[in-house]
Amino acid sequence: MAFKDLPADARPREKLIARGAGALGDAELLALLLRTGTAGRNVLQMSQELLDTFGGIAGLLNTGLDDLKKIKGLGGTAKRAELTAVLELARRAMAERLKERAVFDSPDAVKQYLQLHIASRPHEVFAALFLDAQHRLIALEELFRGTLTQTSVYPREVVIRALHHHAAAVVLAHNHPSGGVEPSRADESLTQTLKAALALVDVRVLDHVIVAAGQTLSMAEKGLI
């Protein structure tokens, strides 16, 4: 069915006005942002292709300008720029929330924030959330990148960055591009090594979070910290 032939209450704009944004699915919300589709493909179909190609909203939030060129109809710069701007606003909104309140007052927000930033990367990334004495976010830094199977993490560099930010605590994080979030023995060993190194400069490791597409595991919640 052509988009113009949809019943009025099935069109995203009218549906949002009548029932609120929460009533819309992900593809419908994207359709409002994109506004138009391409020849033979309406904007809802285009939006669904975006979600399918990049692994849903979480994957889309990790997508750059060049990656969006893969989608027919996004070859021009205007729509890609608008979409990228909205995705960046979502990341910044989440960061502001973590900067305003203690990280562990909102553990789900931490997991969502890490999902937005590193879950869908094609390579392994090791990152750290640097926190102040009230456990509010100072900064997120991606410290090391590796292959699909391993990352070299240097404790000295993590300590240097913690001191640079005058951090009182850190939350460590890395992704598993191949899926699954169960920590390996190497993950557990690395966590203990970093915990000991950071303790020497009076910085606490509060957690080590492992993320994959749609999955998150807290080593602290598992009793592994």
N, C-alpha and C. Protein backbone atom coordinates (compact mmCIF):
# COMPACT_ATOMS: atom_id res chain seq x y z
N MET A 1 0.84 -1.20 0.00
CA MET A 1 0.00 0.00 0.00
C MET A 1 0.88 1.25 0.00
N ALA A 2 0.57 2.18 -0.91
CA ALA A 2 1.31 3.43 -0.94
C ALA A 2 1.08 4.21 0.34
N PHE A 3 2.07 5.02 0.72
CA PHE A 3 1.97 5.76 1.98
C PHE A 3 0.75 6.67 1.99
N LYS A 4 0.46 7.30 0.84
CA LYS A 4 -0.68 8.23 0.78
C LYS A 4 -2.02 7.51 0.94
N ASP A 5 -2.01 6.18 0.72
CA ASP A 5 -3.25 5.42 0.83
C ASP A 5 -3.50 4.86 2.23
N LEU A 6 -2.55 5.06 3.14
CA LEU A 6 -2.74 4.60 4.51
C LEU A 6 -3.87 5.37 5.17
N PRO A 7 -4.67 4.73 6.03
CA PRO A 7 -5.68 5.46 6.80
C PRO A 7 -5.01 6.56 7.62
N ALA A 8 -5.71 7.64 7.82
CA ALA A 8 -5.13 8.78 8.54
C ALA A 8 -4.57 8.38 9.90
N ASP A 9 -5.28 7.49 10.63
CA ASP A 9 -4.80 7.14 11.97
C ASP A 9 -3.64 6.15 11.96
N ALA A 10 -3.21 5.73 10.75
CA ALA A 10 -2.05 4.84 10.64
C ALA A 10 -0.82 5.60 10.17
N ARG A 11 -0.97 6.86 9.85
CA ARG A 11 0.16 7.68 9.42
C ARG A 11 0.88 8.20 10.66
N PRO A 12 2.20 8.15 10.67
CA PRO A 12 2.96 8.50 11.89
C PRO A 12 2.63 9.86 12.47
N ARG A 13 2.54 10.89 11.62
CA ARG A 13 2.31 12.24 12.16
C ARG A 13 0.95 12.33 12.85
N GLU A 14 -0.09 11.83 12.18
CA GLU A 14 -1.42 11.88 12.74
C GLU A 14 -1.54 11.00 13.98
N LYS A 15 -0.87 9.86 13.93
CA LYS A 15 -0.88 8.94 15.07
C LYS A 15 -0.22 9.58 16.29
N LEU A 16 0.89 10.27 16.06
CA LEU A 16 1.59 10.93 17.17
C LEU A 16 0.72 12.02 17.78
N ILE A 17 0.10 12.82 16.94
CA ILE A 17 -0.74 13.91 17.45
C ILE A 17 -1.91 13.36 18.25
N ALA A 18 -2.48 12.26 17.77
CA ALA A 18 -3.67 11.72 18.42
C ALA A 18 -3.34 10.92 19.67
N ARG A 19 -2.23 10.19 19.66
CA ARG A 19 -1.98 9.23 20.74
C ARG A 19 -0.66 9.44 21.47
N GLY A 20 0.19 10.36 21.02
CA GLY A 20 1.47 10.60 21.68
C GLY A 20 2.60 9.81 21.05
N ALA A 21 3.84 10.28 21.27
CA ALA A 21 5.01 9.65 20.64
C ALA A 21 5.21 8.21 21.08
N GLY A 22 4.80 7.89 22.32
CA GLY A 22 4.99 6.53 22.83
C GLY A 22 4.19 5.48 22.09
N ALA A 23 3.19 5.91 21.35
CA ALA A 23 2.35 4.96 20.60
C ALA A 23 2.99 4.55 19.28
N LEU A 24 4.06 5.23 18.88
CA LEU A 24 4.70 4.95 17.60
C LEU A 24 5.82 3.93 17.75
N GLY A 25 5.97 3.07 16.77
CA GLY A 25 7.09 2.16 16.73
C GLY A 25 8.35 2.86 16.25
N ASP A 26 9.49 2.17 16.32
CA ASP A 26 10.76 2.78 15.93
C ASP A 26 10.74 3.25 14.48
N ALA A 27 10.21 2.42 13.58
CA ALA A 27 10.18 2.78 12.16
C ALA A 27 9.30 4.00 11.93
N GLU A 28 8.22 4.10 12.68
CA GLU A 28 7.32 5.25 12.52
C GLU A 28 7.99 6.54 12.99
N LEU A 29 8.72 6.48 14.10
CA LEU A 29 9.42 7.67 14.58
C LEU A 29 10.50 8.10 13.58
N LEU A 30 11.21 7.13 13.02
CA LEU A 30 12.22 7.46 12.00
C LEU A 30 11.57 8.07 10.77
N ALA A 31 10.41 7.55 10.41
CA ALA A 31 9.71 8.06 9.23
C ALA A 31 9.37 9.54 9.39
N LEU A 32 9.01 9.95 10.59
CA LEU A 32 8.72 11.36 10.84
C LEU A 32 9.96 12.22 10.60
N LEU A 33 11.11 11.67 10.96
CA LEU A 33 12.35 12.41 10.80
C LEU A 33 12.77 12.47 9.32
N LEU A 34 12.62 11.36 8.61
CA LEU A 34 13.05 11.28 7.21
C LEU A 34 12.08 11.97 6.26
N ARG A 35 10.81 11.94 6.60
CA ARG A 35 9.74 12.65 5.88
C ARG A 35 9.34 12.01 4.55
N THR A 36 10.28 11.66 3.69
CA THR A 36 9.95 11.11 2.38
C THR A 36 10.77 9.87 2.09
N GLY A 37 10.20 8.99 1.28
CA GLY A 37 10.91 7.79 0.85
C GLY A 37 11.51 8.00 -0.52
N THR A 38 11.59 6.93 -1.30
CA THR A 38 12.12 7.00 -2.65
C THR A 38 11.12 6.35 -3.60
N ALA A 39 11.39 6.41 -4.88
CA ALA A 39 10.49 5.83 -5.87
C ALA A 39 10.31 4.34 -5.60
N GLY A 40 9.06 3.91 -5.45
CA GLY A 40 8.76 2.51 -5.22
C GLY A 40 8.94 2.04 -3.79
N ARG A 41 9.27 2.95 -2.88
CA ARG A 41 9.49 2.58 -1.48
C ARG A 41 9.09 3.76 -0.60
N ASN A 42 8.06 3.56 0.21
CA ASN A 42 7.61 4.68 1.02
C ASN A 42 8.53 4.88 2.22
N VAL A 43 8.29 5.97 2.95
CA VAL A 43 9.21 6.36 4.02
C VAL A 43 9.21 5.35 5.17
N LEU A 44 8.09 4.67 5.42
CA LEU A 44 8.06 3.64 6.45
C LEU A 44 8.94 2.46 6.07
N GLN A 45 8.91 2.08 4.81
CA GLN A 45 9.75 0.98 4.35
C GLN A 45 11.23 1.36 4.42
N MET A 46 11.51 2.59 4.08
CA MET A 46 12.89 3.09 4.16
C MET A 46 13.38 3.08 5.61
N SER A 47 12.51 3.51 6.50
CA SER A 47 12.88 3.53 7.92
C SER A 47 13.14 2.12 8.44
N GLN A 48 12.31 1.17 8.05
CA GLN A 48 12.51 -0.21 8.49
C GLN A 48 13.80 -0.78 7.94
N GLU A 49 14.15 -0.41 6.70
CA GLU A 49 15.43 -0.86 6.14
C GLU A 49 16.60 -0.33 6.95
N LEU A 50 16.50 0.91 7.39
CA LEU A 50 17.55 1.49 8.24
C LEU A 50 17.73 0.66 9.51
N LEU A 51 16.63 0.34 10.16
CA LEU A 51 16.69 -0.43 11.40
C LEU A 51 17.23 -1.84 11.16
N ASP A 52 16.79 -2.47 10.08
CA ASP A 52 17.25 -3.83 9.77
C ASP A 52 18.73 -3.86 9.43
N THR A 53 19.19 -2.84 8.70
CA THR A 53 20.58 -2.80 8.25
C THR A 53 21.54 -2.59 9.41
N PHE A 54 21.17 -1.74 10.35
CA PHE A 54 22.10 -1.35 11.40
C PHE A 54 21.80 -1.99 12.75
N GLY A 55 20.83 -2.88 12.82
CA GLY A 55 20.58 -3.60 14.07
C GLY A 55 19.73 -2.84 15.06
N GLY A 56 18.67 -2.18 14.55
CA GLY A 56 17.76 -1.49 15.45
C GLY A 56 18.26 -0.13 15.87
N ILE A 57 17.55 0.48 16.83
CA ILE A 57 17.89 1.82 17.29
C ILE A 57 19.30 1.86 17.90
N ALA A 58 19.65 0.85 18.70
CA ALA A 58 20.98 0.85 19.33
C ALA A 58 22.08 0.85 18.29
N GLY A 59 21.92 0.04 17.25
CA GLY A 59 22.92 0.02 16.19
C GLY A 59 22.95 1.32 15.41
N LEU A 60 21.78 1.87 15.16
CA LEU A 60 21.70 3.13 14.42
C LEU A 60 22.39 4.26 15.17
N LEU A 61 22.32 4.23 16.49
CA LEU A 61 22.95 5.27 17.29
C LEU A 61 24.47 5.23 17.22
N ASN A 62 25.02 4.10 16.75
CA ASN A 62 26.47 3.99 16.58
C ASN A 62 26.89 4.17 15.13
N THR A 63 25.98 4.65 14.31
CA THR A 63 26.22 4.75 12.87
C THR A 63 26.71 6.14 12.49
N GLY A 64 27.69 6.18 11.62
CA GLY A 64 28.24 7.46 11.17
C GLY A 64 27.66 7.89 9.83
N LEU A 65 28.03 9.10 9.42
CA LEU A 65 27.54 9.67 8.17
C LEU A 65 27.81 8.77 6.97
N ASP A 66 29.03 8.26 6.88
CA ASP A 66 29.40 7.44 5.73
C ASP A 66 28.64 6.13 5.69
N ASP A 67 28.39 5.53 6.86
CA ASP A 67 27.65 4.28 6.90
C ASP A 67 26.22 4.45 6.38
N LEU A 68 25.63 5.60 6.60
CA LEU A 68 24.26 5.84 6.18
C LEU A 68 24.11 5.87 4.66
N LYS A 69 25.22 6.05 3.95
CA LYS A 69 25.17 6.05 2.49
C LYS A 69 24.71 4.70 1.93
N LYS A 70 24.80 3.66 2.74
CA LYS A 70 24.39 2.33 2.28
C LYS A 70 22.90 2.26 1.97
N ILE A 71 22.15 3.16 2.54
CA ILE A 71 20.69 3.15 2.38
C ILE A 71 20.30 4.02 1.19
N LYS A 72 19.61 3.41 0.25
CA LYS A 72 19.13 4.15 -0.91
C LYS A 72 18.23 5.28 -0.45
N GLY A 73 18.52 6.48 -0.94
CA GLY A 73 17.74 7.64 -0.53
C GLY A 73 18.46 8.49 0.49
N LEU A 74 19.57 7.97 1.03
CA LEU A 74 20.35 8.75 1.99
C LEU A 74 21.72 9.12 1.42
N GLY A 75 21.84 9.05 0.10
CA GLY A 75 23.12 9.40 -0.53
C GLY A 75 23.43 10.87 -0.44
N GLY A 76 22.38 11.69 -0.43
CA GLY A 76 22.58 13.12 -0.28
C GLY A 76 22.94 13.48 1.15
N THR A 77 23.39 14.68 1.35
CA THR A 77 23.89 15.06 2.68
C THR A 77 22.80 15.54 3.63
N ALA A 78 21.70 16.08 3.12
CA ALA A 78 20.72 16.74 3.99
C ALA A 78 20.09 15.76 4.98
N LYS A 79 19.51 14.67 4.49
CA LYS A 79 18.87 13.72 5.39
C LYS A 79 19.87 13.06 6.31
N ARG A 80 21.04 12.73 5.77
CA ARG A 80 22.06 12.09 6.61
C ARG A 80 22.51 13.03 7.72
N ALA A 81 22.67 14.30 7.39
CA ALA A 81 23.08 15.27 8.40
C ALA A 81 22.03 15.42 9.48
N GLU A 82 20.75 15.48 9.09
CA GLU A 82 19.67 15.62 10.06
C GLU A 82 19.58 14.40 10.97
N LEU A 83 19.69 13.21 10.38
CA LEU A 83 19.62 11.98 11.16
C LEU A 83 20.80 11.88 12.12
N THR A 84 21.99 12.20 11.63
CA THR A 84 23.18 12.15 12.48
C THR A 84 23.08 13.14 13.63
N ALA A 85 22.51 14.30 13.38
CA ALA A 85 22.35 15.31 14.43
C ALA A 85 21.40 14.81 15.52
N VAL A 86 20.31 14.18 15.12
CA VAL A 86 19.35 13.66 16.10
C VAL A 86 19.99 12.55 16.93
N LEU A 87 20.77 11.67 16.30
CA LEU A 87 21.43 10.59 17.03
C LEU A 87 22.44 11.14 18.04
N GLU A 88 23.14 12.20 17.63
CA GLU A 88 24.11 12.81 18.55
C GLU A 88 23.40 13.48 19.72
N LEU A 89 22.25 14.08 19.47
CA LEU A 89 21.47 14.67 20.56
C LEU A 89 21.05 13.61 21.57
N ALA A 90 20.68 12.43 21.08
CA ALA A 90 20.30 11.34 21.99
C ALA A 90 21.47 10.93 22.87
N ARG A 91 22.66 10.83 22.29
CA ARG A 91 23.84 10.48 23.08
C ARG A 91 24.13 11.55 24.14
N ARG A 92 24.04 12.81 23.74
CA ARG A 92 24.34 13.90 24.67
C ARG A 92 23.31 13.99 25.79
N ALA A 93 22.06 13.72 25.45
CA ALA A 93 21.02 13.75 26.48
C ALA A 93 21.29 12.70 27.54
N MET A 94 21.72 11.51 27.12
CA MET A 94 22.03 10.45 28.07
C MET A 94 23.25 10.84 28.92
N ALA A 95 24.25 11.45 28.31
CA ALA A 95 25.44 11.87 29.05
C ALA A 95 25.09 12.93 30.08
N GLU A 96 24.23 13.86 29.72
CA GLU A 96 23.83 14.90 30.68
C GLU A 96 23.12 14.31 31.88
N ARG A 97 22.30 13.31 31.63
CA ARG A 97 21.59 12.66 32.73
C ARG A 97 22.59 12.05 33.72
N LEU A 98 23.65 11.44 33.19
CA LEU A 98 24.64 10.80 34.06
C LEU A 98 25.54 11.82 34.76
N LYS A 99 25.67 13.00 34.15
CA LYS A 99 26.50 14.03 34.78
C LYS A 99 25.75 14.75 35.91
N GLU A 100 24.43 14.68 35.87
CA GLU A 100 23.63 15.40 36.86
C GLU A 100 23.36 14.59 38.12
N ARG A 101 23.50 13.28 38.04
CA ARG A 101 23.17 12.46 39.19
C ARG A 101 24.17 11.31 39.29
N ALA A 102 24.25 10.71 40.47
CA ALA A 102 25.19 9.60 40.68
C ALA A 102 24.87 8.46 39.73
N VAL A 103 25.92 7.91 39.13
CA VAL A 103 25.76 6.84 38.15
C VAL A 103 24.92 5.70 38.70
N PHE A 104 25.15 5.33 39.94
CA PHE A 104 24.45 4.17 40.47
C PHE A 104 23.09 4.49 41.07
N ASP A 105 22.66 5.75 40.93
CA ASP A 105 21.26 6.07 41.16
C ASP A 105 20.43 5.65 39.95
N SER A 106 21.11 5.43 38.81
CA SER A 106 20.41 5.07 37.57
C SER A 106 21.23 4.04 36.79
N PRO A 107 21.40 2.82 37.33
CA PRO A 107 22.24 1.82 36.66
C PRO A 107 21.75 1.48 35.26
N ASP A 108 20.43 1.52 35.04
CA ASP A 108 19.92 1.23 33.70
C ASP A 108 20.38 2.29 32.70
N ALA A 109 20.49 3.53 33.15
CA ALA A 109 20.95 4.59 32.26
C ALA A 109 22.40 4.35 31.85
N VAL A 110 23.22 3.84 32.76
CA VAL A 110 24.60 3.51 32.43
C VAL A 110 24.64 2.46 31.34
N LYS A 111 23.84 1.42 31.50
CA LYS A 111 23.82 0.34 30.50
C LYS A 111 23.33 0.86 29.15
N GLN A 112 22.30 1.70 29.17
CA GLN A 112 21.79 2.26 27.92
C GLN A 112 22.83 3.16 27.26
N TYR A 113 23.52 3.94 28.09
CA TYR A 113 24.55 4.85 27.58
C TYR A 113 25.66 4.06 26.89
N LEU A 114 26.09 2.97 27.51
CA LEU A 114 27.13 2.14 26.91
C LEU A 114 26.62 1.42 25.66
N GLN A 115 25.35 1.01 25.68
CA GLN A 115 24.76 0.42 24.47
C GLN A 115 24.84 1.42 23.31
N LEU A 116 24.51 2.66 23.59
CA LEU A 116 24.53 3.68 22.54
C LEU A 116 25.91 3.88 21.95
N HIS A 117 26.94 3.76 22.79
CA HIS A 117 28.28 4.13 22.36
C HIS A 117 29.11 2.98 21.80
N ILE A 118 29.02 1.79 22.39
CA ILE A 118 29.99 0.77 21.97
C ILE A 118 29.40 -0.59 21.61
N ALA A 119 28.11 -0.82 21.86
CA ALA A 119 27.57 -2.17 21.68
C ALA A 119 27.65 -2.67 20.25
N SER A 120 27.45 -1.80 19.29
CA SER A 120 27.35 -2.24 17.90
C SER A 120 28.64 -2.04 17.10
N ARG A 121 29.74 -1.75 17.77
CA ARG A 121 30.99 -1.59 17.04
C ARG A 121 31.42 -2.93 16.43
N PRO A 122 31.97 -2.93 15.22
CA PRO A 122 32.40 -4.18 14.59
C PRO A 122 33.69 -4.74 15.16
N HIS A 123 34.40 -3.92 15.94
CA HIS A 123 35.64 -4.35 16.57
C HIS A 123 35.50 -4.19 18.08
N GLU A 124 36.36 -4.86 18.82
CA GLU A 124 36.29 -4.76 20.27
C GLU A 124 36.84 -3.42 20.74
N VAL A 125 36.11 -2.80 21.66
CA VAL A 125 36.48 -1.50 22.21
C VAL A 125 36.51 -1.60 23.73
N PHE A 126 37.54 -1.07 24.33
CA PHE A 126 37.62 -0.99 25.80
C PHE A 126 37.48 0.48 26.17
N ALA A 127 36.54 0.77 27.07
CA ALA A 127 36.26 2.16 27.45
C ALA A 127 36.19 2.29 28.96
N ALA A 128 36.18 3.52 29.42
CA ALA A 128 36.04 3.78 30.85
C ALA A 128 35.16 5.01 31.05
N LEU A 129 34.25 4.90 32.02
CA LEU A 129 33.49 6.05 32.50
C LEU A 129 34.25 6.60 33.70
N PHE A 130 34.72 7.81 33.61
CA PHE A 130 35.42 8.44 34.72
C PHE A 130 34.42 9.25 35.55
N LEU A 131 34.42 9.02 36.86
CA LEU A 131 33.41 9.59 37.75
C LEU A 131 34.04 10.46 38.82
N ASP A 132 33.27 11.45 39.30
CA ASP A 132 33.76 12.29 40.39
C ASP A 132 33.47 11.63 41.74
N ALA A 133 33.71 12.36 42.81
CA ALA A 133 33.55 11.78 44.15
C ALA A 133 32.09 11.44 44.47
N GLN A 134 31.16 12.09 43.78
CA GLN A 134 29.73 11.78 43.96
C GLN A 134 29.24 10.75 42.94
N HIS A 135 30.19 10.16 42.22
CA HIS A 135 29.91 9.15 41.20
C HIS A 135 29.07 9.69 40.05
N ARG A 136 29.27 10.96 39.74
CA ARG A 136 28.66 11.55 38.56
C ARG A 136 29.66 11.47 37.40
N LEU A 137 29.14 11.38 36.20
CA LEU A 137 30.00 11.20 35.03
C LEU A 137 30.83 12.44 34.74
N ILE A 138 32.13 12.26 34.60
CA ILE A 138 33.03 13.31 34.13
C ILE A 138 33.21 13.16 32.61
N ALA A 139 33.53 11.93 32.19
CA ALA A 139 33.78 11.69 30.77
C ALA A 139 33.73 10.20 30.49
N LEU A 140 33.40 9.87 29.25
CA LEU A 140 33.56 8.53 28.72
C LEU A 140 34.70 8.59 27.71
N GLU A 141 35.65 7.67 27.84
CA GLU A 141 36.73 7.61 26.86
C GLU A 141 36.88 6.18 26.35
N GLU A 142 37.01 6.07 25.03
CA GLU A 142 37.40 4.79 24.43
C GLU A 142 38.92 4.75 24.45
N LEU A 143 39.46 3.83 25.21
CA LEU A 143 40.90 3.82 25.46
C LEU A 143 41.67 2.90 24.53
N PHE A 144 41.07 1.78 24.17
CA PHE A 144 41.78 0.80 23.34
C PHE A 144 40.81 0.16 22.36
N ARG A 145 41.33 -0.19 21.20
CA ARG A 145 40.56 -0.91 20.20
C ARG A 145 41.33 -2.17 19.81
N GLY A 146 40.58 -3.21 19.48
CA GLY A 146 41.22 -4.46 19.11
C GLY A 146 40.55 -5.11 17.92
N THR A 147 40.70 -6.40 17.82
CA THR A 147 40.07 -7.17 16.77
C THR A 147 38.75 -7.71 17.30
N LEU A 148 38.15 -8.63 16.57
CA LEU A 148 36.91 -9.24 17.03
C LEU A 148 37.12 -10.10 18.26
N THR A 149 38.35 -10.50 18.51
CA THR A 149 38.58 -11.48 19.58
C THR A 149 39.38 -10.96 20.75
N GLN A 150 40.14 -9.89 20.60
CA GLN A 150 40.96 -9.48 21.73
C GLN A 150 41.33 -8.01 21.65
N THR A 151 41.62 -7.46 22.79
CA THR A 151 42.08 -6.08 22.89
C THR A 151 43.25 -6.04 23.87
N SER A 152 44.24 -5.27 23.54
CA SER A 152 45.36 -5.07 24.46
C SER A 152 45.05 -3.84 25.31
N VAL A 153 44.98 -4.03 26.60
CA VAL A 153 44.65 -2.95 27.53
C VAL A 153 45.85 -2.73 28.44
N TYR A 154 46.32 -1.50 28.52
CA TYR A 154 47.50 -1.18 29.31
C TYR A 154 47.08 -0.45 30.59
N PRO A 155 47.24 -1.08 31.75
CA PRO A 155 46.82 -0.45 33.02
C PRO A 155 47.42 0.94 33.22
N ARG A 156 48.66 1.12 32.83
CA ARG A 156 49.31 2.42 33.01
C ARG A 156 48.53 3.54 32.31
N GLU A 157 48.03 3.27 31.10
CA GLU A 157 47.29 4.28 30.36
C GLU A 157 45.94 4.58 31.02
N VAL A 158 45.30 3.56 31.58
CA VAL A 158 44.03 3.77 32.27
C VAL A 158 44.26 4.65 33.50
N VAL A 159 45.34 4.40 34.23
CA VAL A 159 45.68 5.21 35.40
C VAL A 159 45.95 6.66 35.00
N ILE A 160 46.70 6.84 33.92
CA ILE A 160 47.02 8.20 33.46
C ILE A 160 45.75 8.98 33.13
N ARG A 161 44.80 8.33 32.45
CA ARG A 161 43.56 9.02 32.09
C ARG A 161 42.70 9.31 33.32
N ALA A 162 42.71 8.41 34.29
CA ALA A 162 41.96 8.65 35.53
C ALA A 162 42.53 9.86 36.26
N LEU A 163 43.85 9.96 36.32
CA LEU A 163 44.47 11.11 36.96
C LEU A 163 44.21 12.39 36.18
N HIS A 164 44.22 12.30 34.86
CA HIS A 164 43.94 13.47 34.03
C HIS A 164 42.57 14.06 34.35
N HIS A 165 41.59 13.19 34.56
CA HIS A 165 40.22 13.64 34.84
C HIS A 165 39.97 13.90 36.32
N HIS A 166 40.99 13.69 37.16
CA HIS A 166 40.82 13.81 38.61
C HIS A 166 39.66 12.93 39.08
N ALA A 167 39.59 11.73 38.52
CA ALA A 167 38.49 10.82 38.82
C ALA A 167 38.66 10.20 40.19
N ALA A 168 37.53 10.00 40.87
CA ALA A 168 37.53 9.30 42.15
C ALA A 168 37.17 7.83 41.96
N ALA A 169 36.51 7.53 40.82
CA ALA A 169 36.08 6.16 40.56
C ALA A 169 35.92 5.98 39.05
N VAL A 170 35.90 4.73 38.62
CA VAL A 170 35.69 4.44 37.21
C VAL A 170 34.73 3.25 37.07
N VAL A 171 34.03 3.24 35.95
CA VAL A 171 33.32 2.06 35.49
C VAL A 171 33.99 1.63 34.20
N LEU A 172 34.53 0.44 34.19
CA LEU A 172 35.16 -0.11 32.99
C LEU A 172 34.09 -0.69 32.09
N ALA A 173 34.38 -0.76 30.80
CA ALA A 173 33.39 -1.32 29.87
C ALA A 173 34.09 -1.82 28.62
N HIS A 174 33.57 -2.88 28.06
CA HIS A 174 33.99 -3.29 26.72
C HIS A 174 32.86 -4.05 26.05
N ASN A 175 32.99 -4.18 24.74
CA ASN A 175 31.94 -4.85 23.98
C ASN A 175 32.42 -6.22 23.49
N HIS A 176 31.46 -7.07 23.18
CA HIS A 176 31.72 -8.37 22.56
C HIS A 176 31.05 -8.35 21.18
N PRO A 177 31.78 -7.98 20.13
CA PRO A 177 31.16 -7.86 18.80
C PRO A 177 30.54 -9.15 18.30
N SER A 178 31.06 -10.29 18.74
CA SER A 178 30.55 -11.57 18.25
C SER A 178 29.29 -12.00 18.98
N GLY A 179 28.85 -11.21 19.97
CA GLY A 179 27.63 -11.53 20.72
C GLY A 179 27.93 -12.23 22.03
N GLY A 180 26.96 -12.24 22.92
CA GLY A 180 27.16 -12.85 24.24
C GLY A 180 27.88 -11.90 25.16
N VAL A 181 27.52 -11.92 26.44
CA VAL A 181 28.12 -10.98 27.38
C VAL A 181 28.74 -11.67 28.60
N GLU A 182 28.83 -12.98 28.58
CA GLU A 182 29.45 -13.65 29.71
C GLU A 182 30.93 -13.32 29.76
N PRO A 183 31.44 -12.92 30.94
CA PRO A 183 32.86 -12.56 31.04
C PRO A 183 33.75 -13.79 30.92
N SER A 184 34.85 -13.62 30.22
CA SER A 184 35.85 -14.68 30.10
C SER A 184 36.79 -14.61 31.30
N ARG A 185 37.64 -15.61 31.44
CA ARG A 185 38.66 -15.57 32.50
C ARG A 185 39.59 -14.38 32.28
N ALA A 186 39.87 -14.08 31.00
CA ALA A 186 40.71 -12.93 30.70
C ALA A 186 40.04 -11.63 31.14
N ASP A 187 38.72 -11.53 30.97
CA ASP A 187 37.99 -10.34 31.41
C ASP A 187 38.10 -10.19 32.93
N GLU A 188 37.93 -11.29 33.64
CA GLU A 188 38.00 -11.25 35.10
C GLU A 188 39.41 -10.89 35.57
N SER A 189 40.41 -11.47 34.91
CA SER A 189 41.80 -11.19 35.28
C SER A 189 42.15 -9.72 35.02
N LEU A 190 41.73 -9.20 33.86
CA LEU A 190 42.00 -7.81 33.53
C LEU A 190 41.34 -6.88 34.54
N THR A 191 40.13 -7.19 34.93
CA THR A 191 39.42 -6.36 35.91
C THR A 191 40.19 -6.27 37.22
N GLN A 192 40.68 -7.39 37.69
CA GLN A 192 41.43 -7.40 38.94
C GLN A 192 42.75 -6.64 38.80
N THR A 193 43.40 -6.77 37.64
CA THR A 193 44.65 -6.05 37.40
C THR A 193 44.42 -4.54 37.41
N LEU A 194 43.37 -4.09 36.73
CA LEU A 194 43.07 -2.67 36.69
C LEU A 194 42.61 -2.16 38.05
N LYS A 195 41.87 -2.98 38.77
CA LYS A 195 41.41 -2.59 40.12
C LYS A 195 42.61 -2.34 41.02
N ALA A 196 43.60 -3.22 40.95
CA ALA A 196 44.80 -3.07 41.78
C ALA A 196 45.61 -1.85 41.36
N ALA A 197 45.76 -1.64 40.05
CA ALA A 197 46.55 -0.51 39.56
C ALA A 197 45.91 0.82 39.94
N LEU A 198 44.60 0.91 39.80
CA LEU A 198 43.90 2.15 40.12
C LEU A 198 43.83 2.41 41.63
N ALA A 199 43.82 1.35 42.40
CA ALA A 199 43.80 1.51 43.86
C ALA A 199 45.06 2.21 44.35
N LEU A 200 46.16 2.05 43.63
CA LEU A 200 47.42 2.70 44.01
C LEU A 200 47.32 4.22 43.95
N VAL A 201 46.40 4.74 43.14
CA VAL A 201 46.21 6.19 43.06
C VAL A 201 44.85 6.58 43.64
N ASP A 202 44.30 5.69 44.46
CA ASP A 202 43.07 5.96 45.21
C ASP A 202 41.86 6.19 44.29
N VAL A 203 41.78 5.40 43.24
CA VAL A 203 40.62 5.43 42.33
C VAL A 203 39.95 4.07 42.40
N ARG A 204 38.65 4.05 42.70
CA ARG A 204 37.91 2.80 42.83
C ARG A 204 37.34 2.34 41.50
N VAL A 205 37.39 1.04 41.27
CA VAL A 205 36.68 0.43 40.14
C VAL A 205 35.33 -0.03 40.66
N LEU A 206 34.27 0.62 40.20
CA LEU A 206 32.93 0.29 40.70
C LEU A 206 32.29 -0.85 39.93
N ASP A 207 32.63 -0.99 38.67
CA ASP A 207 31.99 -2.03 37.86
C ASP A 207 32.79 -2.23 36.59
N HIS A 208 32.54 -3.34 35.94
CA HIS A 208 33.04 -3.61 34.60
C HIS A 208 31.83 -4.14 33.83
N VAL A 209 31.39 -3.36 32.85
CA VAL A 209 30.17 -3.67 32.11
C VAL A 209 30.55 -4.22 30.74
N ILE A 210 29.95 -5.34 30.38
CA ILE A 210 30.17 -5.95 29.08
C ILE A 210 28.90 -5.81 28.27
N VAL A 211 29.03 -5.32 27.04
CA VAL A 211 27.84 -5.12 26.21
C VAL A 211 27.99 -5.82 24.87
N ALA A 212 26.87 -6.25 24.35
CA ALA A 212 26.74 -6.74 22.98
C ALA A 212 25.42 -6.20 22.48
N ALA A 213 25.12 -6.41 21.23
CA ALA A 213 23.88 -5.88 20.67
C ALA A 213 22.68 -6.39 21.46
N GLY A 214 22.01 -5.47 22.16
CA GLY A 214 20.81 -5.82 22.91
C GLY A 214 21.05 -6.53 24.22
N GLN A 215 22.30 -6.66 24.65
CA GLN A 215 22.61 -7.37 25.89
C GLN A 215 23.62 -6.59 26.71
N THR A 216 23.50 -6.66 28.02
CA THR A 216 24.43 -5.98 28.91
C THR A 216 24.63 -6.82 30.16
N LEU A 217 25.86 -6.91 30.63
CA LEU A 217 26.15 -7.62 31.89
C LEU A 217 27.01 -6.75 32.78
N SER A 218 26.63 -6.65 34.04
CA SER A 218 27.40 -5.94 35.05
C SER A 218 28.17 -6.96 35.88
N MET A 219 29.49 -6.88 35.86
CA MET A 219 30.30 -7.81 36.67
C MET A 219 30.11 -7.56 38.15
N ALA A 220 29.81 -6.30 38.53
CA ALA A 220 29.53 -6.01 39.94
C ALA A 220 28.26 -6.73 40.39
N GLU A 221 27.23 -6.69 39.56
CA GLU A 221 25.99 -7.38 39.90
C GLU A 221 26.17 -8.88 39.99
N LYS A 222 27.15 -9.40 39.26
CA LYS A 222 27.45 -10.84 39.30
C LYS A 222 28.40 -11.21 40.43
N GLY A 223 28.81 -10.21 41.22
CA GLY A 223 29.73 -10.46 42.31
C GLY A 223 31.16 -10.71 41.89
N LEU A 224 31.56 -10.19 40.73
CA LEU A 224 32.90 -10.45 40.18
C LEU A 224 33.85 -9.27 40.36
N ILE A 225 33.42 -8.24 41.05
CA ILE A 225 34.29 -7.08 41.32
C ILE A 225 34.73 -7.12 42.77
